[in-house]
Each structure stands twice: as structure tokens, then as C-alpha cells.
Amino acid sequence: MNFDLDLFVIGAGSGGVRAARMAAGFGARVAVAESRYLGGTCVNVGCVPKKMLVYGASYADDFAQAASYGWSVGEPGFDWTTLRENKNREIARLNGIYAQLLTQAGARVIEGHARLLDAHTVEVAGERLRARHVLVATGCTPFKPDIAGAEHAISSDDAFHLPALPRRVIVAGGGYIAVEFASIFRGLGVQVTQLHRGDLFLRGFDGGLRRHLRDQLRIKGLDLRFNSEIARIERRDDGSLLATLVDGGHIETDCVMFATGRRALLDGLGLENTGVQIDERGFIAVDEHYQTAEPSILAIGDVIGRVQLTPVALAEGMAVARRLFRPEQFRAVDYEQIPTAVFSLPNIGTVGLSEEQAREQGRTVRVFESRFKPLKLTLTASSESTYLKLVVDADSDRVLGCHMIGPDAGEVIQGLAVALKAGATKQVFDDTLGIHPTTAEEFVTMRSARPDPA
């Protein structure tokens, strides 16, 4: 068969761009189609702009604590428009960089919505191209629950472009996106109510982390309501919203943001013209090599619903490019001990097994915990505290998990992730000298295991 391309990538997000750049670098003929924005969710309505908002929100604490260190500052004021527009300019700059990286690598960038006509033929921007391989990397998009008045609510995507900052907001959801935006809004001075239908947010994270963060967010003034969800939303004559809860309660607010889930972005891709299968969760089904049921079509990133993190999508993109065009360099993605952070205020950083996961695996574990007021806050009236935790296999002494809540937790845990990947034991931690005075040194000075409740 004659092909115009060796690889056609649908979606120029983190995974798609990485696969396209590497494949083009290997000498493959590559084209990438993107219908929304270069860089995907992470660059445009995810990791990067979110952390910019987190930085902006964190200044509230800095201003509040400055007087304890002798600084005299006037009454601080915040302008949402300035932050939003500065953020937009930086994102536009990054969009340009992504386009430049692709073209410099030799990949063709096509602006438009790509649709599969068959297993090898893609139609985009009025052109039909035949590719030996097609990679679907379209990611996910937020969705709102099917309730009356859902049209009055916003999603996390919308939150980045609000025309004005609301005075009151309800954040509905218990995942990391909900927790992060609740912190952002609160740091920017908004009255925040966070609703979650479960007993506690951040399901899947270590229980100690979840409970400690709950307590810290309440100290910050967030109204956290668990076992609670919205039944309907009404817009009132004055423009405000009235949220009616499942239990019959009501909350008056100016904005409702749903962060209750994301779905694979498969709209109009033409998958029905191929043998690609969709799993019971609505994601593209793939094997261990990201191969779909259609031999010529692969899929990576959020659209396959495995681990929905940018570094994972990048690794999957590299794996696909190597397997297709440099098989001698192929290395499978290791999904064990993936570090991650939740940019709540305070931050979460975590890598490895939670205490609950370790026990569910039948391991006998020793748990080391430390809670303390960080040095920076000792001169202030703040009651915020930092939390550190190590989960250790009692039989091998290997450290199974490192968890932290506190400033720059992600920066600390990234370094510890290397140690866990290398198989560090608790003895190695104990033998490592700390950097004093830092929060991170607590990870190498914890000597007494918590008594086992069992």
C-alpha cells in the first residue's frame, strides 16, 4: 500500500507532541492535527495555568505573614484581570513554542479536526491523507452531571477564563482538580464551599494525607461538606445561583464549578469506521503496546484512561515512537511508583504505596509520621502544620511510600521518588544526613514507628 505518511497523530497535547517529535526525529514522515490548542490540556487548561493561579493565590498567606517578620505593608488588593491576562500571554507563548518544536523536528502541523475514514485514511482541513500508523492522543474533557440547571455551572476549563472573580463559589467534586480549585479560589479571597458525595475527598491517596489536608483546608476557611451533592441549580433574578442539595438543603452562591469527572474526547473522530474498541468506562481500549483492536491505530494519554498525568503521557509517546521507528531503543513504561502532586494550599506530594494499599497487598508495614509547625510559620499566628509519612515494609525494610503535605511538597517528593525507584530502605534514609533546617530533613530523621492499630 502507498502511504503519504508513516505516522498521523490526532491531538497535539503532551503525549501526541512527544510521539510526533521523536518519530520525526527518527526520520519518519509525520503530521499532527489539532483542532483546539497546541499543548493540549496541560499547557492550556491544566497543569501550567493552574499552577500559575496557585502561585497567585499563595500570596495571600505571604502578605498575612509578612508583618511577623517586620515588614509593613499596605492593605493588599487583588486584580483578577491582571492575573488572567498575564497567564493568557504566557500560554500563547507556549503555544508558539510547541508549534516551533514540531516543525523544527520535521513534523507537519495541521490545524483542524481530524476524522478517520478507515483504518489508514484521515480527513482534516479538506485534505485526505493515508498513514501507515495513526496515533489517537486527543485527551479528555470535563463533563457536568445531568441535573436541572447544569447549564448555569462552569467546568475547570471555564474557570481559567472567568470574566470576573465571583464573591462566592461552590466547587463540586472530590478529586485533585476540585481540591486545587477550591484552594485557588479561597486564596484569592473567594468564599468557598466544597461539596463531595463521599466521606472524604482524594480517594486513592493515603488516608493520613486526606485527613490532614481536610483539617488544613478548614483552618484556611474552606467550608468542606462531605456526603453532599447538588440536585439542581437555579438562576435568580439578581444573577446569583441557588443550589439545592440532594438532602434538601440550599446554598446561595455566585458560581458553581463542577469538577466531578472527565470523559475521553472522542467526538467526531470516526472511530466507528475502524475496528477500534471502547471499554466499559468510555476510553479507547489498548494492549500493553498501546495498540487498539485496529492494527494500524494506537492510542496514548488520557484517552486510554490509565494514569492521567502529563509525565505519563510523555513516556507513552516516547514508547510508541521508539517501538514503531526505533525498536532497538524501545523501553516499556513503568507504571510503578509514579510521583505526583496536588497543588492545593498547602501542597501534597506523594510517591509509592499508601498505607492502605500496602496493607491490602498483605504486607506487614511500619509507619513513620511527623506533624509540626514549619519554621517559617513559628513567628506567625498561623496554625497550619506540615505532615510527613513513610510507609516501610517490615520484612525487607524497603520504603514503599513517601507522602507529604506542606510548602513545595512536590519539589521534595520528586527527589525522594528517585530513592524509591532505586529501592532505598529505611536504613538508607536513616544513614542519610539531613539539610538543616529544612522540612525535607524530617524524612531522614524519623526514628519511631507509629504503633500499629491492629
Protein backbone atom coordinates (compact mmCIF):
# COMPACT_ATOMS: atom_id res chain seq x y z
CA MET A 1 0.00 0.00 0.00
CA ASN A 2 1.13 3.53 -0.71
CA PHE A 3 1.10 5.91 2.26
CA ASP A 4 1.50 9.66 2.41
CA LEU A 5 2.79 9.43 5.98
CA ASP A 6 4.37 6.97 8.35
CA LEU A 7 2.52 8.41 11.34
CA PHE A 8 -0.52 10.65 11.66
CA VAL A 9 -1.08 11.96 15.19
CA ILE A 10 -4.55 13.17 16.16
CA GLY A 11 -4.11 15.57 19.07
CA ALA A 12 -1.18 17.87 19.86
CA GLY A 13 -1.17 17.50 23.62
CA SER A 14 1.74 16.31 25.73
CA GLY A 15 1.72 12.70 24.52
CA GLY A 16 0.92 13.42 20.89
CA VAL A 17 3.58 16.10 20.53
CA ARG A 18 6.23 13.92 22.16
CA ALA A 19 5.42 10.97 19.90
CA ALA A 20 5.38 13.17 16.79
CA ARG A 21 8.67 14.92 17.60
CA MET A 22 10.50 11.71 18.35
CA ALA A 23 9.10 9.88 15.32
CA ALA A 24 10.04 12.76 13.03
CA GLY A 25 13.49 12.80 14.61
CA PHE A 26 13.82 9.13 13.74
CA GLY A 27 13.20 10.01 10.10
CA ALA A 28 9.50 9.14 9.90
CA ARG A 29 7.09 11.19 7.81
CA VAL A 30 4.80 12.71 10.45
CA ALA A 31 1.77 15.01 10.56
CA VAL A 32 -0.08 16.24 13.63
CA ALA A 33 -3.64 17.57 13.65
CA GLU A 34 -5.03 19.72 16.44
CA SER A 35 -8.49 21.28 16.49
CA ARG A 36 -8.26 23.24 19.75
CA TYR A 37 -4.86 24.39 21.00
CA LEU A 38 -1.27 23.22 20.80
CA GLY A 39 -0.01 21.70 24.03
CA GLY A 40 -3.32 20.13 24.97
CA THR A 41 -4.96 20.27 28.39
CA CYS A 42 -1.75 20.59 30.39
CA VAL A 43 -0.49 23.74 28.71
CA ASN A 44 -3.82 25.46 28.12
CA VAL A 45 -6.38 24.47 30.75
CA GLY A 46 -4.45 22.22 33.09
CA CYS A 47 -1.11 21.89 34.85
CA VAL A 48 0.65 25.04 33.70
CA PRO A 49 -2.06 27.74 34.04
CA LYS A 50 -3.38 26.02 37.17
CA LYS A 51 -0.03 26.36 38.91
CA MET A 52 0.13 30.00 37.87
CA LEU A 53 -3.19 30.51 39.65
CA VAL A 54 -1.87 28.58 42.65
CA TYR A 55 1.14 30.91 42.79
CA GLY A 56 -1.19 33.88 42.64
CA ALA A 57 -3.40 32.51 45.42
CA SER A 58 -0.42 31.71 47.65
CA TYR A 59 0.49 35.39 48.01
CA ALA A 60 -2.42 35.85 50.42
CA ASP A 61 -0.52 33.89 53.08
CA ASP A 62 2.73 35.71 52.32
CA PHE A 63 1.09 39.09 52.86
CA ALA A 64 -0.56 37.89 56.07
CA GLN A 65 2.71 36.57 57.48
CA ALA A 66 4.97 39.43 56.41
CA ALA A 67 4.24 41.61 59.47
CA SER A 68 5.61 38.91 61.81
CA TYR A 69 8.94 39.34 60.06
CA GLY A 70 8.97 43.08 60.45
CA TRP A 71 7.52 44.11 57.10
CA SER A 72 4.99 46.93 56.99
CA VAL A 73 2.72 46.51 54.01
CA GLY A 74 -0.41 48.33 52.99
CA GLU A 75 -3.75 46.67 52.54
CA PRO A 76 -3.17 44.18 49.72
CA GLY A 77 -5.51 44.23 46.76
CA PHE A 78 -6.03 41.64 44.06
CA ASP A 79 -6.96 42.16 40.42
CA TRP A 80 -8.22 39.03 38.66
CA THR A 81 -7.98 40.55 35.20
CA THR A 82 -4.24 41.16 35.57
CA LEU A 83 -3.55 37.57 36.60
CA ARG A 84 -5.82 36.14 33.90
CA GLU A 85 -4.32 38.20 31.08
CA ASN A 86 -0.72 37.65 32.16
CA LYS A 87 -1.47 33.93 32.27
CA ASN A 88 -3.03 34.09 28.79
CA ARG A 89 0.06 35.77 27.36
CA GLU A 90 2.33 33.10 28.76
CA ILE A 91 0.11 30.31 27.41
CA ALA A 92 0.12 31.93 23.96
CA ARG A 93 3.92 31.99 24.11
CA LEU A 94 3.99 28.29 24.98
CA ASN A 95 1.60 27.50 22.11
CA GLY A 96 4.11 29.07 19.76
CA ILE A 97 6.95 27.07 21.24
CA TYR A 98 5.05 23.81 20.70
CA ALA A 99 4.44 24.69 17.05
CA GLN A 100 8.12 25.53 16.65
CA LEU A 101 9.27 22.28 18.27
CA LEU A 102 7.12 20.22 15.93
CA THR A 103 8.13 21.98 12.74
CA GLN A 104 11.82 22.02 13.68
CA ALA A 105 11.63 18.25 14.22
CA GLY A 106 10.23 17.88 10.71
CA ALA A 107 6.60 17.17 11.58
CA ARG A 108 3.80 18.86 9.69
CA VAL A 109 1.25 20.69 11.87
CA ILE A 110 -2.34 20.82 10.60
CA GLU A 111 -4.96 23.00 12.25
CA GLY A 112 -8.32 21.27 12.10
CA HIS A 113 -10.48 18.42 13.36
CA ALA A 114 -9.22 15.08 12.09
CA ARG A 115 -11.65 12.29 11.25
CA LEU A 116 -10.83 8.68 10.40
CA LEU A 117 -12.45 7.43 7.20
CA ASP A 118 -10.92 3.98 7.58
CA ALA A 119 -8.02 2.31 9.36
CA HIS A 120 -5.43 4.33 7.42
CA THR A 121 -7.20 7.36 5.94
CA VAL A 122 -7.60 10.64 7.83
CA GLU A 123 -9.59 13.62 6.62
CA VAL A 124 -8.64 17.03 8.02
CA ALA A 125 -8.92 20.62 6.81
CA GLY A 126 -10.31 19.49 3.45
CA GLU A 127 -7.46 17.06 2.80
CA ARG A 128 -7.29 13.27 2.88
CA LEU A 129 -4.07 11.63 3.97
CA ARG A 130 -3.15 7.97 4.22
CA ALA A 131 -0.87 6.93 7.05
CA ARG A 132 0.79 3.63 7.85
CA HIS A 133 0.11 4.28 11.55
CA VAL A 134 -2.42 6.55 13.27
CA LEU A 135 -1.99 7.64 16.88
CA VAL A 136 -5.01 8.95 18.79
CA ALA A 137 -3.95 11.31 21.58
CA THR A 138 -6.99 13.55 21.98
CA GLY A 139 -7.12 13.51 25.78
CA CYS A 140 -10.15 14.17 27.94
CA THR A 141 -12.60 16.96 28.60
CA PRO A 142 -14.59 17.79 31.74
CA PHE A 143 -18.27 16.96 31.91
CA LYS A 144 -21.11 18.17 34.09
CA PRO A 145 -23.64 15.90 35.78
CA ASP A 146 -27.04 15.55 34.19
CA ILE A 147 -29.05 17.68 36.62
CA ALA A 148 -31.52 20.50 36.20
CA GLY A 149 -29.72 23.80 35.80
CA ALA A 150 -26.31 22.29 34.96
CA GLU A 151 -26.03 24.87 32.20
CA HIS A 152 -25.60 27.55 34.87
CA ALA A 153 -22.43 25.88 36.19
CA ILE A 154 -18.88 26.06 34.87
CA SER A 155 -16.16 23.44 34.43
CA SER A 156 -12.49 23.67 35.35
CA ASP A 157 -11.79 24.71 31.74
CA ASP A 158 -14.12 27.69 32.14
CA ALA A 159 -12.54 28.70 35.45
CA PHE A 160 -9.36 29.80 33.68
CA HIS A 161 -11.28 32.39 31.66
CA LEU A 162 -13.81 33.84 34.10
CA PRO A 163 -14.64 37.44 33.14
CA ALA A 164 -14.68 38.36 36.84
CA LEU A 165 -13.84 36.65 40.11
CA PRO A 166 -17.02 35.58 41.95
CA ARG A 167 -17.58 36.57 45.58
CA ARG A 168 -18.93 33.11 46.46
CA VAL A 169 -18.31 29.77 44.75
CA ILE A 170 -19.33 26.16 45.18
CA VAL A 171 -16.77 23.62 44.00
CA ALA A 172 -18.46 20.25 43.50
CA GLY A 173 -16.14 17.24 43.42
CA GLY A 174 -13.58 15.37 45.46
CA GLY A 175 -10.69 14.77 43.07
CA TYR A 176 -7.47 16.71 42.81
CA ILE A 177 -8.92 19.26 40.38
CA ALA A 178 -11.71 20.12 42.81
CA VAL A 179 -9.32 20.36 45.75
CA GLU A 180 -6.90 22.56 43.82
CA PHE A 181 -9.52 25.00 42.56
CA ALA A 182 -11.13 25.22 46.00
CA SER A 183 -7.72 26.31 47.33
CA ILE A 184 -7.15 28.72 44.45
CA PHE A 185 -10.48 30.46 44.89
CA ARG A 186 -10.05 30.66 48.66
CA GLY A 187 -6.54 32.08 48.35
CA LEU A 188 -7.87 34.77 46.02
CA GLY A 189 -10.38 35.83 48.65
CA VAL A 190 -13.47 33.98 47.46
CA GLN A 191 -15.91 32.41 49.93
CA VAL A 192 -15.65 28.71 49.05
CA THR A 193 -17.93 25.76 49.75
CA GLN A 194 -16.63 22.41 48.53
CA LEU A 195 -19.10 19.55 48.21
CA HIS A 196 -18.16 15.90 47.83
CA ARG A 197 -20.56 12.99 47.74
CA GLY A 198 -18.16 10.68 49.59
CA ASP A 199 -16.93 10.55 53.17
CA LEU A 200 -13.61 12.23 52.32
CA PHE A 201 -12.02 13.68 49.19
CA LEU A 202 -8.97 12.41 47.21
CA ARG A 203 -9.96 8.76 47.05
CA GLY A 204 -6.92 6.59 46.34
CA PHE A 205 -4.48 8.83 48.20
CA ASP A 206 -3.06 7.87 51.59
CA GLY A 207 -5.63 8.19 54.36
CA GLY A 208 -3.29 10.20 56.57
CA LEU A 209 -2.79 12.73 53.78
CA ARG A 210 -6.50 13.03 53.13
CA ARG A 211 -7.39 13.64 56.76
CA HIS A 212 -4.56 16.10 57.35
CA LEU A 213 -5.43 18.13 54.25
CA ARG A 214 -9.09 18.24 55.31
CA ASP A 215 -8.06 19.78 58.61
CA GLN A 216 -5.67 22.27 56.98
CA LEU A 217 -8.23 23.47 54.45
CA ARG A 218 -10.74 24.09 57.20
CA ILE A 219 -8.11 26.17 59.01
CA LYS A 220 -7.83 28.18 55.80
CA GLY A 221 -11.54 28.92 55.94
CA LEU A 222 -12.95 26.49 53.38
CA ASP A 223 -16.44 25.17 54.07
CA LEU A 224 -15.98 21.45 53.38
CA ARG A 225 -19.14 19.36 53.19
CA PHE A 226 -18.86 15.62 52.69
CA ASN A 227 -21.65 13.19 51.79
CA SER A 228 -23.24 16.10 49.98
CA GLU A 229 -24.07 16.79 46.34
CA ILE A 230 -26.14 19.12 44.19
CA ALA A 231 -29.57 18.07 42.94
CA ARG A 232 -30.37 21.19 40.87
CA ILE A 233 -29.26 24.77 40.22
CA GLU A 234 -31.47 27.80 39.65
CA ARG A 235 -30.52 31.28 38.49
CA ARG A 236 -32.20 34.03 40.45
CA ASP A 237 -33.35 37.44 39.23
CA ASP A 238 -30.29 39.18 40.72
CA GLY A 239 -27.93 36.87 38.77
CA SER A 240 -26.95 34.76 41.76
CA LEU A 241 -27.43 30.99 41.88
CA LEU A 242 -29.36 28.79 44.28
CA ALA A 243 -28.03 25.25 44.60
CA THR A 244 -30.44 22.70 46.03
CA LEU A 245 -28.72 19.71 47.59
CA VAL A 246 -29.82 16.09 47.47
CA ASP A 247 -30.63 16.24 51.19
CA GLY A 248 -32.95 19.21 50.59
CA GLY A 249 -30.56 21.91 51.81
CA HIS A 250 -29.83 25.09 49.87
CA ILE A 251 -26.72 27.17 49.25
CA GLU A 252 -26.76 30.65 47.72
CA THR A 253 -23.73 31.36 45.56
CA ASP A 254 -22.45 33.33 42.59
CA CYS A 255 -20.73 30.45 40.80
CA VAL A 256 -20.88 26.66 40.73
CA MET A 257 -17.88 24.77 39.36
CA PHE A 258 -18.25 21.06 38.66
CA ALA A 259 -15.06 19.02 38.92
CA THR A 260 -16.83 15.69 39.02
CA GLY A 261 -15.12 13.82 36.22
CA ARG A 262 -13.62 13.85 32.76
CA ARG A 263 -14.53 11.85 29.66
CA ALA A 264 -12.43 10.74 26.72
CA LEU A 265 -12.57 13.26 23.88
CA LEU A 266 -13.71 11.04 21.02
CA ASP A 267 -16.36 13.24 19.40
CA GLY A 268 -16.33 13.11 15.62
CA LEU A 269 -13.14 11.06 15.33
CA GLY A 270 -14.75 8.49 13.05
CA LEU A 271 -13.74 5.55 15.21
CA GLU A 272 -16.89 3.78 14.06
CA ASN A 273 -15.22 3.48 10.64
CA THR A 274 -12.47 1.37 12.18
CA GLY A 275 -12.11 -1.67 14.41
CA VAL A 276 -11.17 0.44 17.47
CA GLN A 277 -12.98 -0.69 20.62
CA ILE A 278 -14.18 1.46 23.52
CA ASP A 279 -14.03 -0.03 27.01
CA GLU A 280 -16.81 -0.01 29.60
CA ARG A 281 -15.54 3.29 31.05
CA GLY A 282 -15.69 5.08 27.71
CA PHE A 283 -11.94 5.07 26.98
CA ILE A 284 -10.11 3.59 23.98
CA ALA A 285 -9.11 0.00 24.72
CA VAL A 286 -5.44 -0.76 24.08
CA ASP A 287 -2.95 -3.53 24.84
CA GLU A 288 0.39 -3.20 26.61
CA HIS A 289 1.88 -1.58 23.48
CA TYR A 290 -0.97 0.98 23.14
CA GLN A 291 -2.29 -0.96 20.16
CA THR A 292 -6.04 -0.82 19.61
CA ALA A 293 -8.12 -3.62 18.12
CA GLU A 294 -7.36 -2.00 14.76
CA PRO A 295 -3.72 -2.95 13.94
CA SER A 296 -2.82 0.38 12.35
CA ILE A 297 -4.26 2.56 15.12
CA LEU A 298 -2.69 3.26 18.51
CA ALA A 299 -3.77 5.46 21.42
CA ILE A 300 -2.00 7.03 24.40
CA GLY A 301 -2.53 9.50 27.20
CA ASP A 302 -5.72 10.43 28.99
CA VAL A 303 -7.86 9.00 26.18
CA ILE A 304 -6.93 5.44 27.26
CA GLY A 305 -7.80 6.11 30.91
CA ARG A 306 -4.76 4.55 32.59
CA VAL A 307 -2.76 7.09 34.59
CA GLN A 308 -3.92 10.56 33.60
CA LEU A 309 -0.78 12.58 34.24
CA THR A 310 1.32 14.63 31.82
CA PRO A 311 4.64 12.83 32.50
CA VAL A 312 2.89 9.50 31.88
CA ALA A 313 1.57 10.69 28.51
CA LEU A 314 5.06 11.88 27.60
CA ALA A 315 6.53 8.49 28.47
CA GLU A 316 3.83 6.70 26.47
CA GLY A 317 4.52 8.95 23.48
CA MET A 318 8.22 8.10 23.62
CA ALA A 319 7.44 4.39 23.93
CA VAL A 320 5.21 4.42 20.83
CA ALA A 321 7.73 6.35 18.70
CA ARG A 322 10.56 4.03 19.68
CA ARG A 323 8.57 0.84 19.19
CA LEU A 324 7.40 1.90 15.71
CA PHE A 325 10.57 3.52 14.38
CA ARG A 326 13.48 2.59 16.67
CA PRO A 327 12.52 -0.78 18.15
CA GLU A 328 16.08 -1.40 19.38
CA GLN A 329 15.61 1.59 21.74
CA PHE A 330 12.17 0.57 22.99
CA ARG A 331 11.56 0.54 26.73
CA ALA A 332 8.17 -0.17 28.26
CA VAL A 333 6.63 2.48 30.51
CA ASP A 334 6.95 1.59 34.19
CA TYR A 335 3.70 2.49 35.93
CA GLU A 336 5.01 1.66 39.40
CA GLN A 337 5.97 4.38 41.89
CA ILE A 338 4.78 7.33 39.81
CA PRO A 339 5.26 10.52 41.86
CA THR A 340 2.53 13.12 41.79
CA ALA A 341 1.48 16.34 43.44
CA VAL A 342 -1.79 18.01 44.30
CA PHE A 343 -1.33 21.78 44.21
CA SER A 344 -3.75 22.54 46.96
CA LEU A 345 -2.72 25.13 49.52
CA PRO A 346 -0.87 23.55 51.29
CA ASN A 347 0.56 21.23 48.60
CA ILE A 348 0.51 17.44 48.57
CA GLY A 349 3.42 15.38 47.24
CA THR A 350 3.29 11.59 47.13
CA VAL A 351 5.09 8.60 45.63
CA GLY A 352 4.68 4.87 46.10
CA LEU A 353 2.12 2.94 48.10
CA SER A 354 -0.30 4.42 50.57
CA GLU A 355 -0.55 2.72 53.94
CA GLU A 356 -3.90 1.27 52.88
CA GLN A 357 -2.54 -0.11 49.60
CA ALA A 358 0.42 -1.72 51.35
CA ARG A 359 -1.83 -3.46 53.87
CA GLU A 360 -4.24 -4.56 51.13
CA GLN A 361 -1.29 -6.30 49.47
CA GLY A 362 -0.84 -8.32 52.64
CA ARG A 363 2.36 -6.59 53.69
CA THR A 364 3.40 -6.04 57.27
CA VAL A 365 4.29 -2.38 57.44
CA ARG A 366 5.91 0.10 59.76
CA VAL A 367 4.54 3.63 59.53
CA PHE A 368 6.52 6.74 60.41
CA GLU A 369 4.69 10.06 60.72
CA SER A 370 5.64 13.60 61.67
CA ARG A 371 3.40 16.64 62.17
CA PHE A 372 4.91 20.00 63.03
CA LYS A 373 4.66 23.72 62.51
CA PRO A 374 7.22 24.63 59.84
CA LEU A 375 9.96 27.04 60.81
CA LYS A 376 8.70 29.79 58.52
CA LEU A 377 5.44 29.94 60.48
CA THR A 378 6.89 29.88 64.00
CA LEU A 379 6.93 33.70 64.23
CA THR A 380 3.35 33.95 62.96
CA ALA A 381 -0.08 33.27 64.37
CA SER A 382 -0.73 30.63 61.71
CA SER A 383 -1.90 27.23 62.99
CA GLU A 384 -1.06 25.47 59.73
CA SER A 385 1.04 22.33 60.11
CA THR A 386 3.14 20.15 57.83
CA TYR A 387 2.67 16.37 57.60
CA LEU A 388 5.24 13.75 56.53
CA LYS A 389 4.77 9.99 56.29
CA LEU A 390 6.88 6.98 55.36
CA VAL A 391 5.38 3.54 54.72
CA VAL A 392 8.04 0.82 55.19
CA ASP A 393 7.91 -2.91 54.51
CA ALA A 394 8.66 -4.52 57.87
CA ASP A 395 10.21 -7.63 56.32
CA SER A 396 12.57 -6.06 53.75
CA ASP A 397 12.96 -2.59 55.32
CA ARG A 398 12.27 -1.15 51.87
CA VAL A 399 10.48 2.20 51.79
CA LEU A 400 7.21 1.64 49.96
CA GLY A 401 5.74 5.13 50.07
CA CYS A 402 6.63 8.74 50.87
CA HIS A 403 3.89 11.26 51.47
CA MET A 404 3.91 14.94 52.39
CA ILE A 405 1.63 17.93 52.94
CA GLY A 406 3.36 21.28 53.14
CA PRO A 407 5.02 24.03 51.11
CA ASP A 408 6.81 22.77 47.98
CA ALA A 409 5.81 19.17 48.71
CA GLY A 410 6.14 18.29 45.04
CA GLU A 411 9.72 19.51 44.92
CA VAL A 412 10.65 17.37 47.95
CA ILE A 413 8.87 14.23 46.78
CA GLN A 414 10.40 14.38 43.30
CA GLY A 415 13.82 13.79 44.85
CA LEU A 416 12.56 11.01 47.08
CA ALA A 417 10.96 9.33 44.06
CA VAL A 418 14.47 8.62 42.77
CA ALA A 419 15.35 6.96 46.06
CA LEU A 420 12.24 4.76 45.98
CA LYS A 421 12.89 3.82 42.35
CA ALA A 422 16.39 2.76 43.38
CA GLY A 423 14.96 0.55 46.13
CA ALA A 424 16.06 2.59 49.15
CA THR A 425 15.49 1.06 52.57
CA LYS A 426 14.58 2.85 55.77
CA GLN A 427 18.16 2.26 56.89
CA VAL A 428 19.37 4.22 53.84
CA PHE A 429 17.07 7.06 54.85
CA ASP A 430 18.39 6.88 58.43
CA ASP A 431 22.01 6.91 57.24
CA THR A 432 21.43 9.99 55.08
CA LEU A 433 22.35 13.30 56.67
CA GLY A 434 19.71 15.99 56.57
CA ILE A 435 19.97 19.57 55.37
CA HIS A 436 19.28 21.71 58.41
CA PRO A 437 17.00 23.50 58.98
CA THR A 438 14.60 22.24 56.31
CA THR A 439 11.30 20.43 56.22
CA ALA A 440 12.77 17.74 53.97
CA GLU A 441 15.29 16.65 56.61
CA GLU A 442 12.42 15.21 58.64
CA PHE A 443 12.27 12.36 56.12
CA VAL A 444 15.71 11.19 57.27
CA THR A 445 15.26 11.79 61.00
CA MET A 446 12.04 9.91 61.76
CA ARG A 447 13.10 7.04 64.04
CA SER A 448 9.99 5.84 65.88
CA ALA A 449 7.32 3.93 64.03
CA ARG A 450 3.71 4.65 64.84
CA PRO A 451 2.11 1.93 66.99
CA ASP A 452 0.16 -0.43 64.74
CA PRO A 453 -3.56 -0.04 65.46
CA ALA A 454 -4.05 -3.70 64.56
